[in-house]
Amino acid sequence: VKIRLGLDDPDEFHALLQVLNDYPLSAVIVHPRTGAQMYKGSVDLTRYARILTMCVHPTIYNGDITTPAFFSHLRALYPTTAAWMIGRGILGDPFLPTLIRGRELPKNPSKRIEAFHNDLYERFSTLYSGPSPLLGAMKELWGYLAQGFSDGDKLLKSIRKAKKRGEYERITSEFFAGSACRTRAVAEEKSR
């Protein structure tokens, strides 16, 4: 079961855990924000710590893991956490798991992301009917993926203006071919 702290009240989890603790669950995934917050504001680590002491099931943390440093910080703070879930952090930096594990980045990260993008675009083209749903899905992806590039803000602005497939394809093709296509992960890795 995946939960938040509550819908509006961050202390609603108390009553919820009393119910969940009575069932044979394999795990409880906790995103320590309220539903009303969506993804805004900070995760509530104090309440997450309380959940760890109250929940009888293995507890999985989910929320705002966007850097290896923050992951290490969380792991040190909450060693009894059963597992870690990374969602939007990977969309913003597909190499985040690689960096967390302390492994080397691929030789050309931008080319790897380009191949992923092109494959996803091709597959989405067969799933979505018409250019609007296809471009909508790709624009949603770029809302996160652009964060991982040094010129991502500029790219995202151009992508959001695209109304036709050809225009979108030209923008992304030029971006991947150009020198602006440098991932932030690569820049951080080189600065170490």
Protein backbone atom coordinates (compact mmCIF):
# COMPACT_ATOMS: atom_id res chain seq x y z
CA VAL A 1 0.00 0.00 0.00
CA LYS A 2 1.30 3.47 -0.83
CA ILE A 3 0.21 6.30 1.45
CA ARG A 4 0.75 9.95 2.10
CA LEU A 5 0.59 11.57 5.52
CA GLY A 6 -3.05 12.43 4.93
CA LEU A 7 -5.24 14.34 2.53
CA ASP A 8 -5.11 17.78 4.17
CA ASP A 9 -3.98 17.02 7.71
CA PRO A 10 -0.44 15.62 7.99
CA ASP A 11 -1.42 13.70 11.12
CA GLU A 12 -4.12 11.59 9.46
CA PHE A 13 -1.56 8.80 9.11
CA HIS A 14 -2.06 7.89 12.80
CA ALA A 15 -5.58 6.56 12.20
CA LEU A 16 -4.60 5.04 8.87
CA LEU A 17 -1.70 3.07 10.34
CA GLN A 18 -3.97 1.65 13.05
CA VAL A 19 -6.02 0.08 10.27
CA LEU A 20 -3.11 -0.95 8.03
CA ASN A 21 -1.28 -2.61 10.93
CA ASP A 22 -4.18 -5.09 11.24
CA TYR A 23 -3.70 -6.44 7.70
CA PRO A 24 -1.05 -8.81 6.28
CA LEU A 25 0.65 -6.32 3.98
CA SER A 26 4.02 -6.97 2.38
CA ALA A 27 5.02 -3.29 2.73
CA VAL A 28 3.81 0.25 3.23
CA ILE A 29 5.27 2.87 0.91
CA VAL A 30 5.27 6.33 2.47
CA HIS A 31 5.46 9.63 0.62
CA PRO A 32 5.76 12.05 3.57
CA ARG A 33 3.59 14.87 2.23
CA THR A 34 -0.15 15.42 2.29
CA GLY A 35 -2.27 14.76 -0.77
CA ALA A 36 -3.13 18.45 -0.93
CA GLN A 37 0.57 19.32 -1.20
CA MET A 38 0.99 17.14 -4.27
CA TYR A 39 4.75 17.58 -4.87
CA LYS A 40 5.09 21.08 -3.44
CA GLY A 41 6.87 21.97 -0.25
CA SER A 42 9.27 19.78 1.66
CA VAL A 43 8.85 16.17 2.64
CA ASP A 44 8.07 15.84 6.36
CA LEU A 45 10.93 13.76 7.71
CA THR A 46 9.83 14.14 11.32
CA ARG A 47 6.50 12.47 10.59
CA TYR A 48 8.23 9.84 8.46
CA ALA A 49 10.36 8.93 11.49
CA ARG A 50 7.16 8.54 13.54
CA ILE A 51 5.67 6.27 10.89
CA LEU A 52 8.76 4.06 11.05
CA THR A 53 8.17 3.50 14.76
CA MET A 54 4.41 2.92 14.38
CA CYS A 55 4.19 0.75 11.26
CA VAL A 56 4.48 -3.02 11.79
CA HIS A 57 5.14 -3.66 8.10
CA PRO A 58 8.35 -3.11 6.15
CA THR A 59 8.36 0.59 5.29
CA ILE A 60 9.54 2.00 1.98
CA TYR A 61 10.47 5.68 1.65
CA ASN A 62 9.34 7.69 -1.40
CA GLY A 63 9.85 11.41 -2.04
CA ASP A 64 12.38 13.94 -3.31
CA ILE A 65 15.37 11.65 -3.76
CA THR A 66 17.07 13.74 -6.43
CA THR A 67 20.74 13.58 -5.49
CA PRO A 68 23.13 10.93 -4.16
CA ALA A 69 23.85 13.22 -1.19
CA PHE A 70 20.19 13.41 -0.12
CA PHE A 71 19.82 9.65 -0.54
CA SER A 72 22.87 9.06 1.67
CA HIS A 73 21.47 11.51 4.23
CA LEU A 74 18.13 9.66 4.33
CA ARG A 75 19.78 6.26 4.54
CA ALA A 76 21.85 7.39 7.50
CA LEU A 77 18.84 8.94 9.26
CA TYR A 78 16.51 5.97 8.71
CA PRO A 79 18.50 2.72 8.65
CA THR A 80 15.35 0.65 9.36
CA THR A 81 13.74 1.73 6.08
CA ALA A 82 13.17 -1.47 4.10
CA ALA A 83 13.66 0.04 0.63
CA TRP A 84 13.78 3.30 -1.28
CA MET A 85 11.53 4.42 -4.13
CA ILE A 86 12.79 6.99 -6.61
CA GLY A 87 10.32 8.39 -9.13
CA ARG A 88 10.59 11.94 -10.40
CA GLY A 89 14.28 12.03 -9.43
CA ILE A 90 15.06 9.48 -12.15
CA LEU A 91 13.00 11.37 -14.70
CA GLY A 92 15.09 14.45 -13.95
CA ASP A 93 18.38 12.53 -13.95
CA PRO A 94 18.24 9.05 -15.47
CA PHE A 95 21.74 8.40 -14.12
CA LEU A 96 20.77 9.03 -10.49
CA PRO A 97 20.73 5.30 -9.61
CA THR A 98 24.17 4.92 -11.21
CA LEU A 99 25.53 7.81 -9.14
CA ILE A 100 23.86 6.53 -5.95
CA ARG A 101 25.54 3.16 -6.45
CA GLY A 102 28.89 4.89 -6.98
CA ARG A 103 29.28 3.47 -10.46
CA GLU A 104 30.79 5.20 -13.46
CA LEU A 105 28.56 7.06 -15.85
CA PRO A 106 28.37 5.77 -19.41
CA LYS A 107 30.95 7.19 -21.82
CA ASN A 108 28.39 9.40 -23.54
CA PRO A 109 25.38 9.98 -21.27
CA SER A 110 23.69 12.37 -23.69
CA LYS A 111 23.67 9.72 -26.42
CA ARG A 112 22.13 7.21 -24.00
CA ILE A 113 19.38 9.69 -23.12
CA GLU A 114 18.85 10.45 -26.79
CA ALA A 115 18.41 6.74 -27.55
CA PHE A 116 15.95 6.41 -24.65
CA HIS A 117 14.04 9.48 -25.84
CA ASN A 118 13.87 8.26 -29.43
CA ASP A 119 12.70 4.80 -28.39
CA LEU A 120 10.05 6.21 -26.08
CA TYR A 121 8.87 8.67 -28.72
CA GLU A 122 8.57 5.86 -31.26
CA ARG A 123 6.59 3.67 -28.86
CA PHE A 124 4.34 6.53 -27.77
CA SER A 125 3.69 7.29 -31.46
CA THR A 126 2.02 3.90 -31.79
CA LEU A 127 0.03 4.26 -28.56
CA TYR A 128 -1.37 7.76 -28.86
CA SER A 129 -3.88 8.80 -31.46
CA GLY A 130 -2.95 12.14 -32.97
CA PRO A 131 -0.20 14.64 -32.32
CA SER A 132 -1.75 16.38 -29.27
CA PRO A 133 -1.69 13.37 -26.89
CA LEU A 134 1.75 12.33 -28.14
CA LEU A 135 3.25 15.78 -27.71
CA GLY A 136 1.50 16.15 -24.36
CA ALA A 137 3.15 12.97 -23.08
CA MET A 138 6.57 14.02 -24.37
CA LYS A 139 6.22 17.53 -22.93
CA GLU A 140 5.38 15.97 -19.56
CA LEU A 141 8.54 13.86 -19.75
CA TRP A 142 10.67 16.89 -20.69
CA GLY A 143 9.27 18.79 -17.69
CA TYR A 144 11.47 16.45 -15.65
CA LEU A 145 14.15 15.37 -18.13
CA ALA A 146 15.15 18.96 -19.00
CA GLN A 147 16.27 19.43 -15.37
CA GLY A 148 19.18 17.11 -16.09
CA PHE A 149 20.65 19.27 -18.85
CA SER A 150 22.73 22.40 -18.51
CA ASP A 151 20.51 24.21 -21.06
CA GLY A 152 17.35 22.36 -20.07
CA ASP A 153 15.25 25.42 -19.23
CA LYS A 154 15.75 26.90 -22.68
CA LEU A 155 14.99 23.57 -24.32
CA LEU A 156 11.84 23.04 -22.27
CA LYS A 157 10.53 26.46 -23.25
CA SER A 158 10.97 25.59 -26.95
CA ILE A 159 9.41 22.14 -26.54
CA ARG A 160 6.36 23.54 -24.75
CA LYS A 161 5.74 25.87 -27.70
CA ALA A 162 5.80 23.01 -30.25
CA LYS A 163 2.37 22.30 -31.73
CA LYS A 164 3.27 19.78 -34.44
CA ARG A 165 5.27 16.59 -34.47
CA GLY A 166 7.73 17.91 -37.07
CA GLU A 167 8.42 20.98 -34.97
CA TYR A 168 8.98 18.85 -31.85
CA GLU A 169 11.24 16.44 -33.76
CA ARG A 170 13.32 19.31 -35.14
CA ILE A 171 13.76 20.90 -31.69
CA THR A 172 14.83 17.68 -29.99
CA SER A 173 17.01 16.57 -32.89
CA GLU A 174 18.87 19.90 -32.93
CA PHE A 175 19.26 19.78 -29.17
CA PHE A 176 20.73 16.28 -29.12
CA ALA A 177 23.06 17.17 -32.00
CA GLY A 178 24.27 20.39 -30.37
CA SER A 179 26.80 21.24 -27.74
CA ALA A 180 24.06 22.35 -25.32
CA CYS A 181 23.26 18.70 -24.73
CA ARG A 182 25.43 18.24 -21.65
CA THR A 183 23.87 16.44 -18.72
CA ARG A 184 24.24 17.95 -15.28
CA ALA A 185 25.32 14.53 -13.99
CA VAL A 186 28.31 14.65 -16.30
CA ALA A 187 29.17 18.18 -15.18
CA GLU A 188 28.95 17.16 -11.50
CA GLU A 189 31.00 14.01 -12.13
CA LYS A 190 33.76 16.01 -13.83
CA SER A 191 33.85 18.55 -10.98
CA ARG A 192 34.56 15.84 -8.36
